Amino acid sequence: MTARAARAALAFRFRFGDLERPIDLALERKLAPFPGEDVAQHHAQPGRIEPPHHLAAHHHRDRRRLLGDDHHEGVGLLGDPDRRPVSGAVVGADVRILGEGKQTAGSDDPLLYRVVMQIANQIHARAMISYTPTGTQLGLALLARRRADMCGIHWGPAEESGKRHPALLKQFSQHHDWVLVRLFRREQGLILAPDSWPAGSRIEDLFSPERRWSARQEGAGSQRFLQEIITRHGVNPAARRITSRAYSERDAASQVAMGQADVATGIRAAATEFGLDFLPIGWEAFDMTMHRGVFFRTLFQKLLEQLRGGEVQSLARMLGGYDLTECGNLVWPA
């Protein structure tokens, strides 16, 4: 990298808040947010990197522009001392701070949606947070092109996620800059219209031409889960009568609730939201993929804090089908 390019990169990072006080220095060294850089050099004292005078002027000017003149110096988003303003992302959401930020993408989840909305109401106008589910594979494609900096994924049974999820990431050449963090496990199965599963029914019966299906798009984790069902029970997927197409968990559940379909693949929480029946098939892991530096950003750490809190734990029990005991665990690199 030329000296001019290095100065430009340093200016960008100080202006948009990528250099932050570490949450866990040992873990940060392991993640190595920026390839070829010494993390301790950024954060340890003495030896902390400070911007040249002309870059520091840009940085403080942008702090005032992003956070407002009445913002207390030395306090970043969410009242976290010594943090620079964060322009990163919250899971599955498009996070912008007064026009500065990055889009994120990934799989849909009702519990995650509620947590993102809680954070949005806590930080008020300091950040604009929107939740835009895209499905697992499209989310990873956006992450690879740096049009997203986080992506929620689920891809098959929970017991195989330790191998399947990293293998999915390794299909992209950019995976060396990514990490995988566990949010929770959730119960996956079939969402059914009320009273459509009489006693003595078999899964094979749901593939008869009389049953209307809401199908998911290719590349969605729920579509992958359907393939697991087909393989396990030896049913013919071509026998399904597809009457609608859904692009998220909640979209699929809403189509069943509105009478557009009788059955759809999805999670228990989505069925609970819409008052539908649910046929459990198994458990899956819901993990977050992100660029390494995003792990230490204030908003992502706030997300983990909310998920571990009592209020969200109670909400998870009400929705049903969640296990948050591994929340925040680094899945990959191991």
Protein backbone atom coordinates (compact mmCIF):
# COMPACT_ATOMS: atom_id res chain seq x y z
CA MET A 1 0.00 0.00 0.00
CA THR A 2 1.37 3.43 -0.91
CA ALA A 3 1.83 6.12 1.73
CA ARG A 4 -0.99 8.15 0.16
CA ALA A 5 -3.38 5.16 0.23
CA ALA A 6 -2.42 4.41 3.83
CA ARG A 7 -3.20 7.99 4.87
CA ALA A 8 -6.57 7.83 3.09
CA ALA A 9 -7.46 4.54 4.78
CA LEU A 10 -6.48 5.90 8.18
CA ALA A 11 -8.54 9.02 7.61
CA PHE A 12 -11.60 6.93 6.68
CA ARG A 13 -11.29 4.76 9.76
CA PHE A 14 -10.95 7.64 12.17
CA ARG A 15 -13.76 9.58 10.53
CA PHE A 16 -16.24 6.69 10.57
CA GLY A 17 -15.39 5.08 13.87
CA ASP A 18 -13.79 1.71 13.07
CA LEU A 19 -11.11 2.13 15.77
CA GLU A 20 -12.72 1.47 19.12
CA ARG A 21 -11.73 0.51 22.66
CA PRO A 22 -11.65 -3.33 22.79
CA ILE A 23 -14.24 -5.39 24.61
CA ASP A 24 -11.79 -8.26 25.14
CA LEU A 25 -8.21 -7.67 24.02
CA ALA A 26 -7.35 -11.38 23.92
CA LEU A 27 -10.38 -12.14 21.75
CA GLU A 28 -9.66 -9.12 19.58
CA ARG A 29 -6.14 -10.37 18.92
CA LYS A 30 -7.66 -13.70 17.88
CA LEU A 31 -10.11 -12.09 15.50
CA ALA A 32 -7.49 -9.66 14.11
CA PRO A 33 -10.04 -7.18 12.71
CA PHE A 34 -7.76 -5.79 10.03
CA PRO A 35 -5.39 -8.23 8.28
CA GLY A 36 -1.75 -7.33 8.67
CA GLU A 37 -2.36 -4.94 11.58
CA ASP A 38 -1.33 -5.33 15.21
CA VAL A 39 -4.51 -4.96 17.29
CA ALA A 40 -2.56 -4.21 20.43
CA GLN A 41 -0.97 -1.33 18.56
CA HIS A 42 -4.41 0.27 18.20
CA HIS A 43 -5.62 -0.19 21.73
CA ALA A 44 -2.84 -0.89 24.24
CA GLN A 45 -1.28 1.96 26.24
CA PRO A 46 1.32 3.21 25.56
CA GLY A 47 1.52 2.91 21.77
CA ARG A 48 -2.08 3.76 20.86
CA ILE A 49 -2.26 5.09 17.32
CA GLU A 50 -3.49 8.65 17.16
CA PRO A 51 -4.41 10.37 13.92
CA PRO A 52 -2.20 13.09 12.49
CA HIS A 53 -3.34 16.61 13.37
CA HIS A 54 -5.15 17.22 10.09
CA LEU A 55 -6.97 13.86 10.33
CA ALA A 56 -7.91 14.45 13.96
CA ALA A 57 -9.56 17.73 12.95
CA HIS A 58 -11.73 15.87 10.42
CA HIS A 59 -12.57 13.23 13.03
CA HIS A 60 -13.71 15.67 15.73
CA ARG A 61 -15.67 17.71 13.20
CA ASP A 62 -17.50 14.56 12.11
CA ARG A 63 -18.15 13.57 15.75
CA ARG A 64 -19.96 16.87 16.22
CA ARG A 65 -21.84 16.43 12.94
CA LEU A 66 -22.90 12.86 13.71
CA LEU A 67 -23.67 13.14 17.41
CA GLY A 68 -24.76 16.78 17.76
CA ASP A 69 -23.22 19.76 19.53
CA ASP A 70 -24.85 18.81 22.82
CA HIS A 71 -23.19 15.38 22.87
CA HIS A 72 -20.81 14.96 25.83
CA GLU A 73 -17.25 14.60 24.63
CA GLY A 74 -15.81 11.12 25.17
CA VAL A 75 -19.19 9.35 25.22
CA GLY A 76 -20.23 7.40 22.12
CA LEU A 77 -23.44 5.69 21.15
CA LEU A 78 -25.47 4.18 23.98
CA GLY A 79 -23.47 6.13 26.55
CA ASP A 80 -20.36 3.99 26.23
CA PRO A 81 -17.33 6.06 27.36
CA ASP A 82 -14.32 6.48 25.12
CA ARG A 83 -16.02 5.04 22.05
CA ARG A 84 -16.03 6.77 18.73
CA PRO A 85 -19.35 7.05 16.89
CA VAL A 86 -20.37 3.71 15.49
CA SER A 87 -21.50 3.43 11.88
CA GLY A 88 -21.76 -0.34 11.93
CA ALA A 89 -24.72 -2.65 11.77
CA VAL A 90 -27.08 -4.52 13.99
CA VAL A 91 -27.97 -8.05 12.96
CA GLY A 92 -30.13 -8.34 9.86
CA ALA A 93 -30.66 -4.60 9.88
CA ASP A 94 -29.69 -1.54 7.89
CA VAL A 95 -28.01 0.72 10.45
CA ARG A 96 -27.28 4.32 9.57
CA ILE A 97 -26.12 7.08 11.87
CA LEU A 98 -27.40 10.34 10.46
CA GLY A 99 -26.75 9.12 6.94
CA GLU A 100 -23.51 7.22 7.64
CA GLY A 101 -23.62 3.43 7.87
CA LYS A 102 -23.67 0.11 6.12
CA GLN A 103 -26.45 -2.23 5.08
CA THR A 104 -26.66 -5.72 6.47
CA ALA A 105 -28.63 -8.72 5.33
CA GLY A 106 -29.59 -12.23 6.33
CA SER A 107 -32.28 -14.59 7.49
CA ASP A 108 -35.55 -13.64 9.15
CA ASP A 109 -36.35 -14.19 12.84
CA PRO A 110 -39.23 -12.86 15.00
CA LEU A 111 -37.21 -12.63 18.23
CA LEU A 112 -34.36 -10.84 16.51
CA TYR A 113 -36.79 -8.37 14.95
CA ARG A 114 -38.13 -7.42 18.38
CA VAL A 115 -34.65 -6.95 19.83
CA VAL A 116 -33.65 -4.67 16.94
CA MET A 117 -36.81 -2.60 17.52
CA GLN A 118 -35.98 -2.32 21.24
CA ILE A 119 -32.52 -0.98 20.42
CA ALA A 120 -33.98 1.45 17.88
CA ASN A 121 -36.23 2.93 20.55
CA GLN A 122 -33.38 3.15 23.06
CA ILE A 123 -31.03 5.07 20.77
CA HIS A 124 -33.79 7.21 19.20
CA ALA A 125 -32.58 9.51 16.43
CA ARG A 126 -28.89 8.69 16.89
CA ALA A 127 -29.31 5.75 14.48
CA MET A 128 -31.83 4.63 11.91
CA ILE A 129 -32.41 0.87 12.16
CA SER A 130 -34.43 -1.13 9.65
CA TYR A 131 -34.71 -4.90 9.40
CA THR A 132 -34.41 -6.33 5.89
CA PRO A 133 -34.44 -10.16 5.67
CA THR A 134 -32.95 -11.51 2.44
CA GLY A 135 -32.40 -15.21 3.08
CA THR A 136 -29.12 -16.95 3.89
CA GLN A 137 -27.35 -17.20 0.54
CA LEU A 138 -28.35 -13.81 -0.82
CA GLY A 139 -27.24 -12.25 2.47
CA LEU A 140 -23.81 -13.88 2.18
CA ALA A 141 -23.50 -12.69 -1.42
CA LEU A 142 -24.18 -9.13 -0.26
CA LEU A 143 -21.65 -9.55 2.55
CA ALA A 144 -19.05 -10.76 0.07
CA ARG A 145 -19.56 -7.68 -2.09
CA ARG A 146 -19.31 -5.41 0.96
CA ARG A 147 -22.88 -4.27 0.48
CA ALA A 148 -23.56 -5.70 3.93
CA ASP A 149 -21.44 -6.11 7.03
CA MET A 150 -23.56 -8.71 8.88
CA CYS A 151 -25.64 -11.69 7.79
CA GLY A 152 -27.82 -14.12 9.73
CA ILE A 153 -27.62 -17.72 8.52
CA HIS A 154 -29.19 -21.12 9.21
CA TRP A 155 -28.46 -24.16 7.08
CA GLY A 156 -29.70 -27.53 8.30
CA PRO A 157 -29.78 -29.36 11.66
CA ALA A 158 -28.13 -27.76 14.69
CA GLU A 159 -25.86 -30.74 15.32
CA GLU A 160 -24.27 -30.28 11.89
CA SER A 161 -24.01 -26.47 11.97
CA GLY A 162 -20.42 -26.55 13.22
CA LYS A 163 -19.38 -27.98 9.85
CA ARG A 164 -22.11 -26.76 7.50
CA HIS A 165 -22.03 -23.07 8.39
CA PRO A 166 -18.24 -22.60 7.97
CA ALA A 167 -18.42 -24.66 4.75
CA LEU A 168 -21.10 -22.29 3.48
CA LEU A 169 -18.89 -19.29 4.25
CA LYS A 170 -15.87 -20.85 2.56
CA GLN A 171 -17.69 -20.79 -0.78
CA PHE A 172 -16.81 -17.08 -0.81
CA SER A 173 -13.21 -15.93 -1.25
CA GLN A 174 -13.81 -13.14 1.30
CA HIS A 175 -14.42 -15.62 4.16
CA HIS A 176 -10.95 -15.00 5.61
CA ASP A 177 -12.22 -11.61 6.83
CA TRP A 178 -15.37 -13.07 8.44
CA VAL A 179 -16.30 -14.52 11.82
CA LEU A 180 -19.33 -16.57 12.85
CA VAL A 181 -21.12 -15.90 16.15
CA ARG A 182 -23.91 -18.02 17.66
CA LEU A 183 -27.11 -16.16 18.57
CA PHE A 184 -29.40 -19.05 19.46
CA ARG A 185 -30.86 -22.39 18.50
CA ARG A 186 -34.46 -22.49 17.27
CA GLU A 187 -37.08 -25.11 16.49
CA GLN A 188 -37.76 -25.68 12.81
CA GLY A 189 -40.62 -27.61 11.23
CA LEU A 190 -43.84 -27.13 9.28
CA ILE A 191 -46.31 -24.28 9.83
CA LEU A 192 -49.87 -25.55 9.41
CA ALA A 193 -53.32 -24.04 9.11
CA PRO A 194 -55.39 -24.65 12.27
CA ASP A 195 -56.95 -28.11 12.54
CA SER A 196 -55.15 -29.33 9.42
CA TRP A 197 -53.22 -32.06 11.23
CA PRO A 198 -55.77 -34.63 12.46
CA ALA A 199 -54.74 -37.52 14.67
CA GLY A 200 -52.98 -40.28 12.80
CA SER A 201 -51.67 -38.01 10.03
CA ARG A 202 -48.28 -38.59 8.44
CA ILE A 203 -45.82 -36.09 6.95
CA GLU A 204 -46.27 -37.83 3.62
CA ASP A 205 -49.93 -36.74 3.66
CA LEU A 206 -48.84 -33.09 3.49
CA PHE A 207 -47.29 -33.72 0.07
CA SER A 208 -50.58 -34.79 -1.48
CA PRO A 209 -52.05 -32.58 -4.24
CA GLU A 210 -54.89 -31.53 -1.91
CA ARG A 211 -52.52 -29.55 0.34
CA ARG A 212 -51.53 -26.06 -0.77
CA TRP A 213 -47.93 -25.05 -0.07
CA SER A 214 -46.23 -21.71 0.36
CA ALA A 215 -42.75 -22.27 -1.11
CA ARG A 216 -39.59 -20.43 -0.07
CA GLN A 217 -37.06 -18.92 -2.47
CA GLU A 218 -33.90 -20.79 -3.45
CA GLY A 219 -31.03 -20.01 -1.08
CA ALA A 220 -33.25 -19.65 1.99
CA GLY A 221 -32.33 -21.71 5.04
CA SER A 222 -35.92 -22.95 5.36
CA GLN A 223 -35.81 -24.21 1.78
CA ARG A 224 -32.67 -26.15 2.74
CA PHE A 225 -34.53 -27.57 5.74
CA LEU A 226 -37.31 -28.78 3.43
CA GLN A 227 -34.70 -30.76 1.51
CA GLU A 228 -33.76 -32.45 4.79
CA ILE A 229 -37.42 -33.46 5.29
CA ILE A 230 -37.66 -34.79 1.75
CA THR A 231 -34.50 -36.86 2.18
CA ARG A 232 -35.52 -38.21 5.59
CA HIS A 233 -39.04 -39.26 4.62
CA GLY A 234 -38.49 -40.16 0.97
CA VAL A 235 -41.34 -38.00 -0.31
CA ASN A 236 -41.67 -36.57 -3.80
CA PRO A 237 -41.26 -32.76 -3.76
CA ALA A 238 -42.82 -32.52 -7.22
CA ALA A 239 -46.08 -33.75 -5.70
CA ARG A 240 -46.50 -30.51 -3.79
CA ARG A 241 -49.17 -28.11 -4.94
CA ILE A 242 -47.47 -24.70 -4.66
CA THR A 243 -49.98 -21.82 -4.55
CA SER A 244 -47.77 -18.99 -3.24
CA ARG A 245 -44.16 -18.02 -2.62
CA ALA A 246 -42.75 -16.48 0.55
CA TYR A 247 -39.48 -14.63 1.11
CA SER A 248 -39.16 -14.81 4.90
CA GLU A 249 -40.31 -16.85 7.90
CA ARG A 250 -43.04 -14.38 8.78
CA ASP A 251 -44.12 -14.00 5.17
CA ALA A 252 -44.65 -17.76 4.97
CA ALA A 253 -46.64 -17.81 8.21
CA SER A 254 -48.78 -14.86 7.12
CA GLN A 255 -49.73 -16.62 3.87
CA VAL A 256 -50.95 -19.64 5.83
CA ALA A 257 -52.83 -17.35 8.24
CA MET A 258 -54.54 -15.54 5.35
CA GLY A 259 -55.68 -18.80 3.75
CA GLN A 260 -53.34 -18.62 0.76
CA ALA A 261 -51.65 -21.89 1.77
CA ASP A 262 -52.17 -24.83 4.12
CA VAL A 263 -48.53 -25.58 4.93
CA ALA A 264 -45.11 -23.90 4.84
CA THR A 265 -41.67 -24.60 6.23
CA GLY A 266 -40.73 -22.33 9.10
CA ILE A 267 -39.98 -21.93 12.79
CA ARG A 268 -42.23 -22.36 15.82
CA ALA A 269 -41.99 -18.67 16.76
CA ALA A 270 -43.47 -17.58 13.41
CA ALA A 271 -46.37 -20.03 13.84
CA THR A 272 -46.98 -18.69 17.38
CA GLU A 273 -47.09 -15.10 16.13
CA PHE A 274 -49.93 -15.90 13.72
CA GLY A 275 -51.83 -18.37 15.92
CA LEU A 276 -51.09 -21.35 13.65
CA ASP A 277 -50.39 -25.02 14.29
CA PHE A 278 -46.82 -26.27 14.19
CA LEU A 279 -45.34 -29.68 13.43
CA PRO A 280 -41.81 -29.83 14.94
CA ILE A 281 -39.14 -31.55 12.86
CA GLY A 282 -35.87 -30.57 14.55
CA TRP A 283 -33.58 -27.80 15.84
CA GLU A 284 -31.26 -25.53 13.88
CA ALA A 285 -28.54 -23.04 14.80
CA PHE A 286 -29.02 -19.36 13.95
CA ASP A 287 -25.58 -17.77 13.55
CA MET A 288 -24.39 -14.32 12.56
CA THR A 289 -21.64 -13.81 9.98
CA MET A 290 -19.82 -10.49 10.01
CA HIS A 291 -16.60 -8.73 9.15
CA ARG A 292 -14.17 -9.20 12.01
CA GLY A 293 -14.13 -5.59 13.20
CA VAL A 294 -17.93 -5.48 13.50
CA PHE A 295 -17.87 -7.89 16.46
CA PHE A 296 -16.47 -5.16 18.72
CA ARG A 297 -18.83 -2.40 17.67
CA THR A 298 -21.15 -0.95 20.25
CA LEU A 299 -24.40 -1.84 18.54
CA PHE A 300 -23.54 -5.51 18.09
CA GLN A 301 -22.40 -5.82 21.70
CA LYS A 302 -25.65 -4.12 22.70
CA LEU A 303 -27.54 -6.71 20.69
CA LEU A 304 -25.86 -9.56 22.57
CA GLU A 305 -26.57 -7.81 25.86
CA GLN A 306 -30.27 -7.53 25.00
CA LEU A 307 -30.51 -11.17 23.93
CA ARG A 308 -29.03 -12.29 27.25
CA GLY A 309 -31.35 -10.04 29.27
CA GLY A 310 -34.35 -11.22 31.26
CA GLU A 311 -36.94 -9.40 29.14
CA VAL A 312 -35.85 -11.05 25.90
CA GLN A 313 -35.49 -14.43 27.60
CA SER A 314 -39.13 -14.17 28.72
CA LEU A 315 -40.16 -13.17 25.20
CA ALA A 316 -38.31 -16.18 23.78
CA ARG A 317 -40.24 -18.48 26.12
CA MET A 318 -43.53 -16.88 25.07
CA LEU A 319 -42.80 -17.33 21.35
CA GLY A 320 -41.47 -20.82 21.96
CA GLY A 321 -38.79 -22.82 20.20
CA TYR A 322 -35.68 -20.90 21.32
CA ASP A 323 -32.53 -21.90 23.20
CA LEU A 324 -30.20 -18.97 23.97
CA THR A 325 -27.67 -20.78 26.15
CA GLU A 326 -24.90 -20.38 23.53
CA CYS A 327 -25.63 -16.73 22.71
CA GLY A 328 -22.46 -14.81 21.87
CA ASN A 329 -20.22 -17.86 21.44
CA LEU A 330 -17.61 -17.60 18.69
CA VAL A 331 -18.36 -20.51 16.34
CA TRP A 332 -15.75 -19.88 13.68
CA PRO A 333 -12.83 -19.53 13.52
CA ALA A 334 -12.73 -22.02 16.41
